[in-house]
PDB file of N, CA and C in Angstrom:
ATOM      1  N   UNK A   1     156.591  98.551 160.601  1.00  0.00           N
ATOM      2  CA  UNK A   1     157.748 100.216 160.087  1.00  0.00           C
ATOM      3  C   UNK A   1     157.851 100.911 161.719  1.00  0.00           C
ATOM      4  N   UNK A   2     159.076 100.906 161.758  1.00  0.00           N
ATOM      5  CA  UNK A   2     159.376 101.828 162.551  1.00  0.00           C
ATOM      6  C   UNK A   2     158.816 103.052 162.929  1.00  0.00           C
ATOM      7  N   UNK A   3     158.535 103.561 164.328  1.00  0.00           N
ATOM      8  CA  UNK A   3     158.099 104.278 165.262  1.00  0.00           C
ATOM      9  C   UNK A   3     159.113 105.319 165.230  1.00  0.00           C
ATOM     10  N   UNK A   4     158.795 107.060 165.390  1.00  0.00           N
ATOM     11  CA  UNK A   4     160.055 107.292 166.036  1.00  0.00           C
ATOM     12  C   UNK A   4     159.462 108.638 165.941  1.00  0.00           C
ATOM     13  N   UNK A   5     160.056 109.536 167.307  1.00  0.00           N
ATOM     14  CA  UNK A   5     159.010 110.808 167.973  1.00  0.00           C
ATOM     15  C   UNK A   5     159.495 112.192 167.025  1.00  0.00           C
ATOM     16  N   UNK A   6     158.863 112.325 166.606  1.00  0.00           N
ATOM     17  CA  UNK A   6     159.765 113.798 166.120  1.00  0.00           C
ATOM     18  C   UNK A   6     159.215 115.097 166.948  1.00  0.00           C
ATOM     19  N   UNK A   7     160.366 115.512 167.561  1.00  0.00           N
ATOM     20  CA  UNK A   7     159.681 116.426 169.448  1.00  0.00           C
ATOM     21  C   UNK A   7     160.401 117.969 168.412  1.00  0.00           C
ATOM     22  N   UNK A   8     159.439 118.707 168.657  1.00  0.00           N
ATOM     23  CA  UNK A   8     159.403 120.233 168.235  1.00  0.00           C
ATOM     24  C   UNK A   8     159.559 120.805 168.961  1.00  0.00           C
ATOM     25  N   UNK A   9     160.797 121.872 169.558  1.00  0.00           N
ATOM     26  CA  UNK A   9     161.235 122.911 170.415  1.00  0.00           C
ATOM     27  C   UNK A   9     161.360 124.089 170.376  1.00  0.00           C
ATOM     28  N   UNK A  10     160.679 124.952 171.285  1.00  0.00           N
ATOM     29  CA  UNK A  10     160.644 126.155 171.753  1.00  0.00           C
ATOM     30  C   UNK A  10     160.974 126.858 172.672  1.00  0.00           C
ATOM     31  N   UNK A  11     161.393 128.099 172.814  1.00  0.00           N
ATOM     32  CA  UNK A  11     162.252 128.409 173.718  1.00  0.00           C
ATOM     33  C   UNK A  11     161.104 129.237 174.694  1.00  0.00           C
ATOM     34  N   UNK A  12     161.119 128.930 176.252  1.00  0.00           N
ATOM     35  CA  UNK A  12     160.500 129.023 176.795  1.00  0.00           C
ATOM     36  C   UNK A  12     159.719 130.732 177.028  1.00  0.00           C
ATOM     37  N   UNK A  13     159.969 131.802 176.269  1.00  0.00           N
ATOM     38  CA  UNK A  13     159.391 132.721 176.540  1.00  0.00           C
ATOM     39  C   UNK A  13     159.162 132.682 174.553  1.00  0.00           C
ATOM     40  N   UNK A  14     158.623 131.498 174.008  1.00  0.00           N
ATOM     41  CA  UNK A  14     158.168 131.194 172.696  1.00  0.00           C
ATOM     42  C   UNK A  14     156.686 131.588 172.676  1.00  0.00           C
ATOM     43  N   UNK A  15     156.582 132.837 172.359  1.00  0.00           N
ATOM     44  CA  UNK A  15     154.882 133.983 171.945  1.00  0.00           C
ATOM     45  C   UNK A  15     154.310 133.172 170.789  1.00  0.00           C
ATOM     46  N   UNK A  16     153.169 132.113 170.868  1.00  0.00           N
ATOM     47  CA  UNK A  16     152.498 131.988 169.808  1.00  0.00           C
ATOM     48  C   UNK A  16     151.615 132.993 169.010  1.00  0.00           C
ATOM     49  N   UNK A  17     151.680 133.408 169.442  1.00  0.00           N
ATOM     50  CA  UNK A  17     150.885 135.417 168.493  1.00  0.00           C
ATOM     51  C   UNK A  17     151.623 135.362 167.525  1.00  0.00           C
ATOM     52  N   UNK A  18     152.663 135.142 167.371  1.00  0.00           N
ATOM     53  CA  UNK A  18     154.330 135.048 166.630  1.00  0.00           C
ATOM     54  C   UNK A  18     153.949 134.276 165.179  1.00  0.00           C
ATOM     55  N   UNK A  19     153.106 133.390 165.133  1.00  0.00           N
ATOM     56  CA  UNK A  19     153.147 132.965 163.818  1.00  0.00           C
ATOM     57  C   UNK A  19     152.003 133.186 163.190  1.00  0.00           C
ATOM     58  N   UNK A  20     152.482 133.432 162.183  1.00  0.00           N
ATOM     59  CA  UNK A  20     151.923 134.667 160.802  1.00  0.00           C
ATOM     60  C   UNK A  20     151.042 132.927 159.926  1.00  0.00           C
ATOM     61  N   UNK A  21     150.468 133.723 159.168  1.00  0.00           N
ATOM     62  CA  UNK A  21     149.417 133.057 158.289  1.00  0.00           C
ATOM     63  C   UNK A  21     150.152 131.807 157.343  1.00  0.00           C
ATOM     64  N   UNK A  22     151.424 132.346 156.965  1.00  0.00           N
ATOM     65  CA  UNK A  22     152.259 131.644 156.536  1.00  0.00           C
ATOM     66  C   UNK A  22     152.614 130.278 156.852  1.00  0.00           C
ATOM     67  N   UNK A  23     153.402 130.843 158.159  1.00  0.00           N
ATOM     68  CA  UNK A  23     153.664 129.547 159.465  1.00  0.00           C
ATOM     69  C   UNK A  23     152.708 128.680 158.935  1.00  0.00           C
ATOM     70  N   UNK A  24     151.638 128.894 159.861  1.00  0.00           N
ATOM     71  CA  UNK A  24     149.887 128.199 160.303  1.00  0.00           C
ATOM     72  C   UNK A  24     149.996 127.279 159.006  1.00  0.00           C
ATOM     73  N   UNK A  25     150.088 127.934 157.487  1.00  0.00           N
ATOM     74  CA  UNK A  25     149.890 126.921 156.474  1.00  0.00           C
ATOM     75  C   UNK A  25     150.861 126.395 155.913  1.00  0.00           C
ATOM     76  N   UNK A  26     152.024 126.219 156.332  1.00  0.00           N
ATOM     77  CA  UNK A  26     153.330 125.571 156.081  1.00  0.00           C
ATOM     78  C   UNK A  26     152.575 123.977 157.078  1.00  0.00           C
ATOM     79  N   UNK A  27     152.548 124.692 158.148  1.00  0.00           N
ATOM     80  CA  UNK A  27     152.697 123.820 159.153  1.00  0.00           C
ATOM     81  C   UNK A  27     151.350 122.349 158.692  1.00  0.00           C
ATOM     82  N   UNK A  28     150.149 123.219 157.713  1.00  0.00           N
ATOM     83  CA  UNK A  28     149.012 122.427 157.762  1.00  0.00           C
ATOM     84  C   UNK A  28     149.423 121.511 156.588  1.00  0.00           C
ATOM     85  N   UNK A  29     149.970 122.687 155.841  1.00  0.00           N
ATOM     86  CA  UNK A  29     150.368 120.899 155.078  1.00  0.00           C
ATOM     87  C   UNK A  29     151.837 120.073 155.000  1.00  0.00           C
ATOM     88  N   UNK A  30     152.022 120.653 156.053  1.00  0.00           N
ATOM     89  CA  UNK A  30     153.713 119.203 156.439  1.00  0.00           C
ATOM     90  C   UNK A  30     152.419 118.217 157.163  1.00  0.00           C
ATOM     91  N   UNK A  31     151.034 119.085 157.994  1.00  0.00           N
ATOM     92  CA  UNK A  31     150.334 117.619 158.573  1.00  0.00           C
ATOM     93  C   UNK A  31     149.398 116.502 157.303  1.00  0.00           C
ATOM     94  N   UNK A  32     149.317 118.069 156.294  1.00  0.00           N
ATOM     95  CA  UNK A  32     147.957 117.025 155.101  1.00  0.00           C
ATOM     96  C   UNK A  32     149.048 116.114 154.403  1.00  0.00           C
ATOM     97  N   UNK A  33     150.510 116.086 154.879  1.00  0.00           N
ATOM     98  CA  UNK A  33     151.480 115.309 153.965  1.00  0.00           C
ATOM     99  C   UNK A  33     151.898 114.775 154.328  1.00  0.00           C
ATOM    100  N   UNK A  34     152.202 114.878 155.761  1.00  0.00           N
ATOM    101  CA  UNK A  34     151.646 113.165 156.519  1.00  0.00           C
ATOM    102  C   UNK A  34     150.850 112.401 156.866  1.00  0.00           C
ATOM    103  N   UNK A  35     149.900 112.615 156.510  1.00  0.00           N
ATOM    104  CA  UNK A  35     148.435 112.296 156.420  1.00  0.00           C
ATOM    105  C   UNK A  35     148.495 111.033 154.953  1.00  0.00           C
ATOM    106  N   UNK A  36     148.421 111.713 154.144  1.00  0.00           N
ATOM    107  CA  UNK A  36     148.490 111.707 152.717  1.00  0.00           C
ATOM    108  C   UNK A  36     149.443 110.308 152.856  1.00  0.00           C
ATOM    109  N   UNK A  37     150.505 110.554 153.994  1.00  0.00           N
ATOM    110  CA  UNK A  37     151.498 109.662 153.136  1.00  0.00           C
ATOM    111  C   UNK A  37     151.572 108.334 154.127  1.00  0.00           C
ATOM    112  N   UNK A  38     150.718 108.558 154.984  1.00  0.00           N
ATOM    113  CA  UNK A  38     150.270 107.254 155.740  1.00  0.00           C
ATOM    114  C   UNK A  38     151.310 107.697 157.187  1.00  0.00           C
ATOM    115  N   UNK A  39     152.419 108.172 157.285  1.00  0.00           N
ATOM    116  CA  UNK A  39     152.858 107.775 158.636  1.00  0.00           C
ATOM    117  C   UNK A  39     152.646 108.985 159.283  1.00  0.00           C
ATOM    118  N   UNK A  40     151.838 109.520 159.889  1.00  0.00           N
ATOM    119  CA  UNK A  40     151.659 110.160 160.710  1.00  0.00           C
ATOM    120  C   UNK A  40     150.245 109.348 161.325  1.00  0.00           C
ATOM    121  N   UNK A  41     150.778 109.582 163.224  1.00  0.00           N
ATOM    122  CA  UNK A  41     150.206 108.174 163.340  1.00  0.00           C
ATOM    123  C   UNK A  41     149.733 109.181 164.876  1.00  0.00           C
ATOM    124  N   UNK A  42     150.361 110.119 164.600  1.00  0.00           N
ATOM    125  CA  UNK A  42     149.892 111.162 166.410  1.00  0.00           C
ATOM    126  C   UNK A  42     150.332 112.643 165.959  1.00  0.00           C
ATOM    127  N   UNK A  43     149.755 113.239 166.121  1.00  0.00           N
ATOM    128  CA  UNK A  43     150.491 114.414 166.488  1.00  0.00           C
ATOM    129  C   UNK A  43     149.397 115.170 167.985  1.00  0.00           C
ATOM    130  N   UNK A  44     149.994 116.389 168.191  1.00  0.00           N
ATOM    131  CA  UNK A  44     150.191 116.744 169.331  1.00  0.00           C
ATOM    132  C   UNK A  44     150.557 117.940 169.820  1.00  0.00           C
ATOM    133  N   UNK A  45     150.236 119.530 170.431  1.00  0.00           N
ATOM    134  CA  UNK A  45     150.680 120.609 170.609  1.00  0.00           C
ATOM    135  C   UNK A  45     151.208 120.361 172.710  1.00  0.00           C
ATOM    136  N   UNK A  46     151.492 120.679 172.731  1.00  0.00           N
ATOM    137  CA  UNK A  46     151.481 121.029 174.474  1.00  0.00           C
ATOM    138  C   UNK A  46     151.719 122.210 174.714  1.00  0.00           C
ATOM    139  N   UNK A  47     150.902 122.300 176.380  1.00  0.00           N
ATOM    140  CA  UNK A  47     150.322 123.406 177.112  1.00  0.00           C
ATOM    141  C   UNK A  47     152.016 124.076 177.553  1.00  0.00           C
ATOM    142  N   UNK A  48     152.006 125.734 177.906  1.00  0.00           N
ATOM    143  CA  UNK A  48     153.326 125.926 177.691  1.00  0.00           C
ATOM    144  C   UNK A  48     153.713 125.614 179.212  1.00  0.00           C
ATOM    145  N   UNK A  49     155.302 125.118 179.121  1.00  0.00           N
ATOM    146  CA  UNK A  49     155.936 125.400 180.633  1.00  0.00           C
ATOM    147  C   UNK A  49     155.602 125.612 182.014  1.00  0.00           C
ATOM    148  N   UNK A  50     154.978 126.575 182.068  1.00  0.00           N
ATOM    149  CA  UNK A  50     154.246 127.543 183.368  1.00  0.00           C
ATOM    150  C   UNK A  50     153.094 125.865 183.977  1.00  0.00           C
ATOM    151  N   UNK A  51     153.029 125.251 183.373  1.00  0.00           N
ATOM    152  CA  UNK A  51     151.596 124.402 183.230  1.00  0.00           C
ATOM    153  C   UNK A  51     152.657 122.481 183.863  1.00  0.00           C
ATOM    154  N   UNK A  52     153.729 122.582 183.755  1.00  0.00           N
ATOM    155  CA  UNK A  52     154.878 121.894 183.766  1.00  0.00           C
ATOM    156  C   UNK A  52     154.174 120.980 185.330  1.00  0.00           C
ATOM    157  N   UNK A  53     154.736 120.073 185.496  1.00  0.00           N
ATOM    158  CA  UNK A  53     154.782 119.364 186.447  1.00  0.00           C
ATOM    159  C   UNK A  53     156.126 118.061 186.705  1.00  0.00           C
ATOM    160  N   UNK A  54     156.705 118.150 187.427  1.00  0.00           N
ATOM    161  CA  UNK A  54     157.677 117.334 187.620  1.00  0.00           C
ATOM    162  C   UNK A  54     157.638 115.623 188.851  1.00  0.00           C
ATOM    163  N   UNK A  55     157.590 115.040 188.328  1.00  0.00           N
ATOM    164  CA  UNK A  55     156.937 114.057 189.608  1.00  0.00           C
ATOM    165  C   UNK A  55     158.791 113.202 189.742  1.00  0.00           C
ATOM    166  N   UNK A  56     158.736 113.057 191.194  1.00  0.00           N
ATOM    167  CA  UNK A  56     160.593 112.407 190.981  1.00  0.00           C
ATOM    168  C   UNK A  56     160.610 111.605 192.271  1.00  0.00           C
ATOM    169  N   UNK A  57     161.106 110.227 192.008  1.00  0.00           N
ATOM    170  CA  UNK A  57     161.229 109.626 193.178  1.00  0.00           C
ATOM    171  C   UNK A  57     162.519 109.943 194.159  1.00  0.00           C
ATOM    172  N   UNK A  58     161.742 110.516 195.892  1.00  0.00           N
ATOM    173  CA  UNK A  58     163.549 110.496 196.456  1.00  0.00           C
ATOM    174  C   UNK A  58     163.896 109.363 196.707  1.00  0.00           C
ATOM    175  N   UNK A  59     164.892 109.217 197.841  1.00  0.00           N
ATOM    176  CA  UNK A  59     165.406 108.510 198.593  1.00  0.00           C
ATOM    177  C   UNK A  59     164.783 107.946 199.855  1.00  0.00           C
ATOM    178  N   UNK A  60     164.289 107.075 199.762  1.00  0.00           N
ATOM    179  CA  UNK A  60     163.377 106.364 200.651  1.00  0.00           C
ATOM    180  C   UNK A  60     161.955 105.465 199.660  1.00  0.00           C
ATOM    181  N   UNK A  61     161.842 105.951 198.783  1.00  0.00           N
ATOM    182  CA  UNK A  61     161.002 105.839 198.032  1.00  0.00           C
ATOM    183  C   UNK A  61     159.982 106.753 197.460  1.00  0.00           C
ATOM    184  N   UNK A  62     160.059 108.367 198.205  1.00  0.00           N
ATOM    185  CA  UNK A  62     158.538 109.363 198.764  1.00  0.00           C
ATOM    186  C   UNK A  62     158.262 109.795 197.355  1.00  0.00           C
ATOM    187  N   UNK A  63     157.911 110.299 196.471  1.00  0.00           N
ATOM    188  CA  UNK A  63     157.603 110.151 195.851  1.00  0.00           C
ATOM    189  C   UNK A  63     156.487 111.636 195.971  1.00  0.00           C
ATOM    190  N   UNK A  64     157.816 113.071 194.640  1.00  0.00           N
ATOM    191  CA  UNK A  64     157.416 113.600 194.779  1.00  0.00           C
ATOM    192  C   UNK A  64     156.686 114.858 193.516  1.00  0.00           C
ATOM    193  N   UNK A  65     156.340 115.602 194.048  1.00  0.00           N
ATOM    194  CA  UNK A  65     155.730 116.482 192.514  1.00  0.00           C
ATOM    195  C   UNK A  65     155.845 117.948 192.905  1.00  0.00           C
ATOM    196  N   UNK A  66     156.595 118.288 191.931  1.00  0.00           N
ATOM    197  CA  UNK A  66     156.833 120.206 191.829  1.00  0.00           C
ATOM    198  C   UNK A  66     156.742 120.424 190.417  1.00  0.00           C
ATOM    199  N   UNK A  67     156.354 121.870 190.916  1.00  0.00           N
ATOM    200  CA  UNK A  67     155.648 122.677 189.487  1.00  0.00           C
ATOM    201  C   UNK A  67     157.027 122.900 188.445  1.00  0.00           C
ATOM    202  N   UNK A  68     157.123 123.054 187.823  1.00  0.00           N
ATOM    203  CA  UNK A  68     158.609 123.272 186.121  1.00  0.00           C
ATOM    204  C   UNK A  68     158.894 122.247 185.615  1.00  0.00           C
ATOM    205  N   UNK A  69     159.323 122.375 184.718  1.00  0.00           N
ATOM    206  CA  UNK A  69     160.035 121.634 183.914  1.00  0.00           C
ATOM    207  C   UNK A  69     160.726 120.880 184.595  1.00  0.00           C
ATOM    208  N   UNK A  70     161.565 119.375 184.033  1.00  0.00           N
ATOM    209  CA  UNK A  70     162.311 118.586 185.488  1.00  0.00           C
ATOM    210  C   UNK A  70     163.927 119.054 184.290  1.00  0.00           C
ATOM    211  N   UNK A  71     163.946 119.449 183.482  1.00  0.00           N
ATOM    212  CA  UNK A  71     165.385 120.188 182.655  1.00  0.00           C
ATOM    213  C   UNK A  71     165.434 121.720 182.714  1.00  0.00           C
ATOM    214  N   UNK A  72     166.266 121.701 183.493  1.00  0.00           N
ATOM    215  CA  UNK A  72     166.346 123.206 183.757  1.00  0.00           C
ATOM    216  C   UNK A  72     167.347 124.504 182.169  1.00  0.00           C
ATOM    217  N   UNK A  73     166.680 124.590 181.077  1.00  0.00           N
ATOM    218  CA  UNK A  73     167.229 124.968 179.684  1.00  0.00           C
ATOM    219  C   UNK A  73     166.229 125.884 179.623  1.00  0.00           C
ATOM    220  N   UNK A  74     166.909 126.151 178.195  1.00  0.00           N
ATOM    221  CA  UNK A  74     165.919 127.569 177.567  1.00  0.00           C
ATOM    222  C   UNK A  74     164.863 127.228 177.128  1.00  0.00           C
ATOM    223  N   UNK A  75     165.054 126.058 176.698  1.00  0.00           N
ATOM    224  CA  UNK A  75     163.607 125.377 175.566  1.00  0.00           C
ATOM    225  C   UNK A  75     162.855 124.337 176.440  1.00  0.00           C
ATOM    226  N   UNK A  76     161.949 123.945 175.798  1.00  0.00           N
ATOM    227  CA  UNK A  76     161.425 122.801 176.083  1.00  0.00           C
ATOM    228  C   UNK A  76     160.683 122.143 175.003  1.00  0.00           C
ATOM    229  N   UNK A  77     159.872 121.013 175.016  1.00  0.00           N
ATOM    230  CA  UNK A  77     159.106 120.351 174.001  1.00  0.00           C
ATOM    231  C   UNK A  77     157.260 120.719 174.344  1.00  0.00           C
ATOM    232  N   UNK A  78     157.616 121.985 172.353  1.00  0.00           N
ATOM    233  CA  UNK A  78     156.001 122.197 172.480  1.00  0.00           C
ATOM    234  C   UNK A  78     155.502 121.466 171.555  1.00  0.00           C
ATOM    235  N   UNK A  79     155.656 120.530 171.219  1.00  0.00           N
ATOM    236  CA  UNK A  79     154.592 119.579 170.428  1.00  0.00           C
ATOM    237  C   UNK A  79     155.149 118.492 170.126  1.00  0.00           C
ATOM    238  N   UNK A  80     154.358 117.307 169.234  1.00  0.00           N
ATOM    239  CA  UNK A  80     155.437 116.650 168.930  1.00  0.00           C
ATOM    240  C   UNK A  80     154.515 115.841 167.926  1.00  0.00           C
ATOM    241  N   UNK A  81     154.870 114.627 166.862  1.00  0.00           N
ATOM    242  CA  UNK A  81     154.482 114.138 166.009  1.00  0.00           C
ATOM    243  C   UNK A  81     155.210 112.577 166.141  1.00  0.00           C
ATOM    244  N   UNK A  82     154.175 111.433 166.101  1.00  0.00           N
ATOM    245  CA  UNK A  82     154.552 110.260 165.772  1.00  0.00           C
ATOM    246  C   UNK A  82     153.847 109.867 165.285  1.00  0.00           C
ATOM    247  N   UNK A  83     155.729 109.486 164.459  1.00  0.00           N
ATOM    248  CA  UNK A  83     155.295 109.000 163.174  1.00  0.00           C
ATOM    249  C   UNK A  83     155.856 106.775 162.219  1.00  0.00           C
ATOM    250  N   UNK A  84     155.013 106.010 162.171  1.00  0.00           N
ATOM    251  CA  UNK A  84     155.534 105.280 161.162  1.00  0.00           C
ATOM    252  C   UNK A  84     155.962 106.040 159.911  1.00  0.00           C
ATOM    253  N   UNK A  85     157.939 104.853 159.622  1.00  0.00           N
ATOM    254  CA  UNK A  85     158.224 106.032 158.510  1.00  0.00           C
ATOM    255  C   UNK A  85     158.928 104.168 157.923  1.00  0.00           C
ATOM    256  N   UNK A  86     159.458 104.329 157.409  1.00  0.00           N
ATOM    257  CA  UNK A  86     160.841 103.217 156.903  1.00  0.00           C
ATOM    258  C   UNK A  86     161.934 102.281 157.219  1.00  0.00           C
ATOM    259  N   UNK A  87     162.498 103.252 158.234  1.00  0.00           N
ATOM    260  CA  UNK A  87     163.395 103.997 158.387  1.00  0.00           C
ATOM    261  C   UNK A  87     163.848 104.766 159.125  1.00  0.00           C
ATOM    262  N   UNK A  88     164.994 105.062 159.775  1.00  0.00           N
ATOM    263  CA  UNK A  88     164.933 106.792 160.084  1.00  0.00           C
ATOM    264  C   UNK A  88     165.714 107.575 159.389  1.00  0.00           C
ATOM    265  N   UNK A  89     165.706 107.198 158.355  1.00  0.00           N
ATOM    266  CA  UNK A  89     166.101 107.840 157.351  1.00  0.00           C
ATOM    267  C   UNK A  89     165.332 108.617 156.538  1.00  0.00           C
ATOM    268  N   UNK A  90     163.930 108.081 156.569  1.00  0.00           N
ATOM    269  CA  UNK A  90     162.561 109.031 156.254  1.00  0.00           C
ATOM    270  C   UNK A  90     162.000 109.561 157.208  1.00  0.00           C
ATOM    271  N   UNK A  91     161.732 109.084 158.633  1.00  0.00           N
ATOM    272  CA  UNK A  91     162.024 110.078 159.398  1.00  0.00           C
ATOM    273  C   UNK A  91     162.515 111.281 159.929  1.00  0.00           C
ATOM    274  N   UNK A  92     163.889 110.963 159.543  1.00  0.00           N
ATOM    275  CA  UNK A  92     164.730 112.403 159.428  1.00  0.00           C
ATOM    276  C   UNK A  92     164.471 113.425 158.025  1.00  0.00           C
ATOM    277  N   UNK A  93     163.860 113.170 157.417  1.00  0.00           N
ATOM    278  CA  UNK A  93     163.486 114.119 156.099  1.00  0.00           C
ATOM    279  C   UNK A  93     161.620 114.555 156.523  1.00  0.00           C
ATOM    280  N   UNK A  94     160.697 113.772 157.403  1.00  0.00           N
ATOM    281  CA  UNK A  94     159.947 114.571 157.961  1.00  0.00           C
ATOM    282  C   UNK A  94     160.485 115.431 158.684  1.00  0.00           C
ATOM    283  N   UNK A  95     161.532 115.050 159.587  1.00  0.00           N
ATOM    284  CA  UNK A  95     162.073 115.725 160.403  1.00  0.00           C
ATOM    285  C   UNK A  95     163.105 117.202 160.093  1.00  0.00           C
ATOM    286  N   UNK A  96     162.789 116.767 158.762  1.00  0.00           N
ATOM    287  CA  UNK A  96     163.235 118.359 158.368  1.00  0.00           C
ATOM    288  C   UNK A  96     162.308 119.431 157.757  1.00  0.00           C
ATOM    289  N   UNK A  97     161.493 118.628 157.280  1.00  0.00           N
ATOM    290  CA  UNK A  97     160.096 119.316 156.605  1.00  0.00           C
ATOM    291  C   UNK A  97     159.827 119.883 157.910  1.00  0.00           C
ATOM    292  N   UNK A  98     159.592 119.527 159.411  1.00  0.00           N
ATOM    293  CA  UNK A  98     158.409 119.454 160.014  1.00  0.00           C
ATOM    294  C   UNK A  98     159.780 120.943 161.080  1.00  0.00           C
ATOM    295  N   UNK A  99     161.167 120.746 161.013  1.00  0.00           N
ATOM    296  CA  UNK A  99     161.548 122.369 161.143  1.00  0.00           C
ATOM    297  C   UNK A  99     161.242 123.056 160.574  1.00  0.00           C
ATOM    298  N   UNK A 100     161.948 123.346 159.182  1.00  0.00           N
ATOM    299  CA  UNK A 100     160.869 124.196 158.161  1.00  0.00           C
ATOM    300  C   UNK A 100     159.415 125.110 158.325  1.00  0.00           C
ATOM    301  N   UNK A 101     158.392 124.140 158.171  1.00  0.00           N
ATOM    302  CA  UNK A 101     157.400 124.464 158.277  1.00  0.00           C
ATOM    303  C   UNK A 101     157.214 125.544 160.191  1.00  0.00           C
ATOM    304  N   UNK A 102     157.722 124.734 160.576  1.00  0.00           N
ATOM    305  CA  UNK A 102     157.284 124.960 162.078  1.00  0.00           C
ATOM    306  C   UNK A 102     158.268 125.722 163.103  1.00  0.00           C
ATOM    307  N   UNK A 103     159.708 126.751 162.205  1.00  0.00           N
ATOM    308  CA  UNK A 103     160.664 127.532 161.809  1.00  0.00           C
ATOM    309  C   UNK A 103     161.172 127.086 163.623  1.00  0.00           C
ATOM    310  N   UNK A 104     161.736 126.502 163.637  1.00  0.00           N
ATOM    311  CA  UNK A 104     162.231 125.512 165.356  1.00  0.00           C
ATOM    312  C   UNK A 104     162.749 124.278 164.778  1.00  0.00           C
ATOM    313  N   UNK A 105     164.115 124.057 165.976  1.00  0.00           N
ATOM    314  CA  UNK A 105     164.607 122.979 165.769  1.00  0.00           C
ATOM    315  C   UNK A 105     163.883 121.835 166.577  1.00  0.00           C
ATOM    316  N   UNK A 106     164.182 120.530 165.629  1.00  0.00           N
ATOM    317  CA  UNK A 106     163.156 119.685 166.532  1.00  0.00           C
ATOM    318  C   UNK A 106     164.142 118.012 166.320  1.00  0.00           C
ATOM    319  N   UNK A 107     163.896 117.539 167.256  1.00  0.00           N
ATOM    320  CA  UNK A 107     164.907 116.462 167.402  1.00  0.00           C
ATOM    321  C   UNK A 107     164.107 114.963 167.263  1.00  0.00           C
ATOM    322  N   UNK A 108     164.853 113.900 166.722  1.00  0.00           N
ATOM    323  CA  UNK A 108     164.051 112.755 166.592  1.00  0.00           C
ATOM    324  C   UNK A 108     165.180 111.679 167.285  1.00  0.00           C
ATOM    325  N   UNK A 109     163.783 110.598 167.390  1.00  0.00           N
ATOM    326  CA  UNK A 109     164.415 109.485 168.568  1.00  0.00           C
ATOM    327  C   UNK A 109     162.962 108.324 168.159  1.00  0.00           C
ATOM    328  N   UNK A 110     163.883 106.902 167.960  1.00  0.00           N
ATOM    329  CA  UNK A 110     163.511 105.810 167.566  1.00  0.00           C
ATOM    330  C   UNK A 110     162.747 105.324 168.504  1.00  0.00           C
ATOM    331  N   UNK A 111     161.626 105.327 168.342  1.00  0.00           N
ATOM    332  CA  UNK A 111     160.254 104.495 169.481  1.00  0.00           C
ATOM    333  C   UNK A 111     161.310 103.251 169.566  1.00  0.00           C
ATOM    334  N   UNK A 112     161.314 102.688 171.200  1.00  0.00           N
ATOM    335  CA  UNK A 112     161.486 100.992 171.035  1.00  0.00           C
ATOM    336  C   UNK A 112     160.558 100.338 171.298  1.00  0.00           C
TER     337      UNK A 112
END
């Protein structure tokens, strides 16, 4: 089966303390449904963006590490799932459910 990344996006100022018990229940139910369906390969949350480091190769091959996210946007990837699904439509359905459970946008991309 093809594998898909479902990435959860949060604004940089997102406060996990705002997650209520209903949201936690919905996320737990989503993960349980993914396990029951046999599609969840991996799930993980990410540390806040303040802890990120970006590593880049400069001209001449010098590798530089700097604090912060690579992209300067208002959002960051807050967590992710790797799913084994029958096709892209199935991955999009799980992404729809993830967006509802997490009350946040998600991105779906096929793994190569």
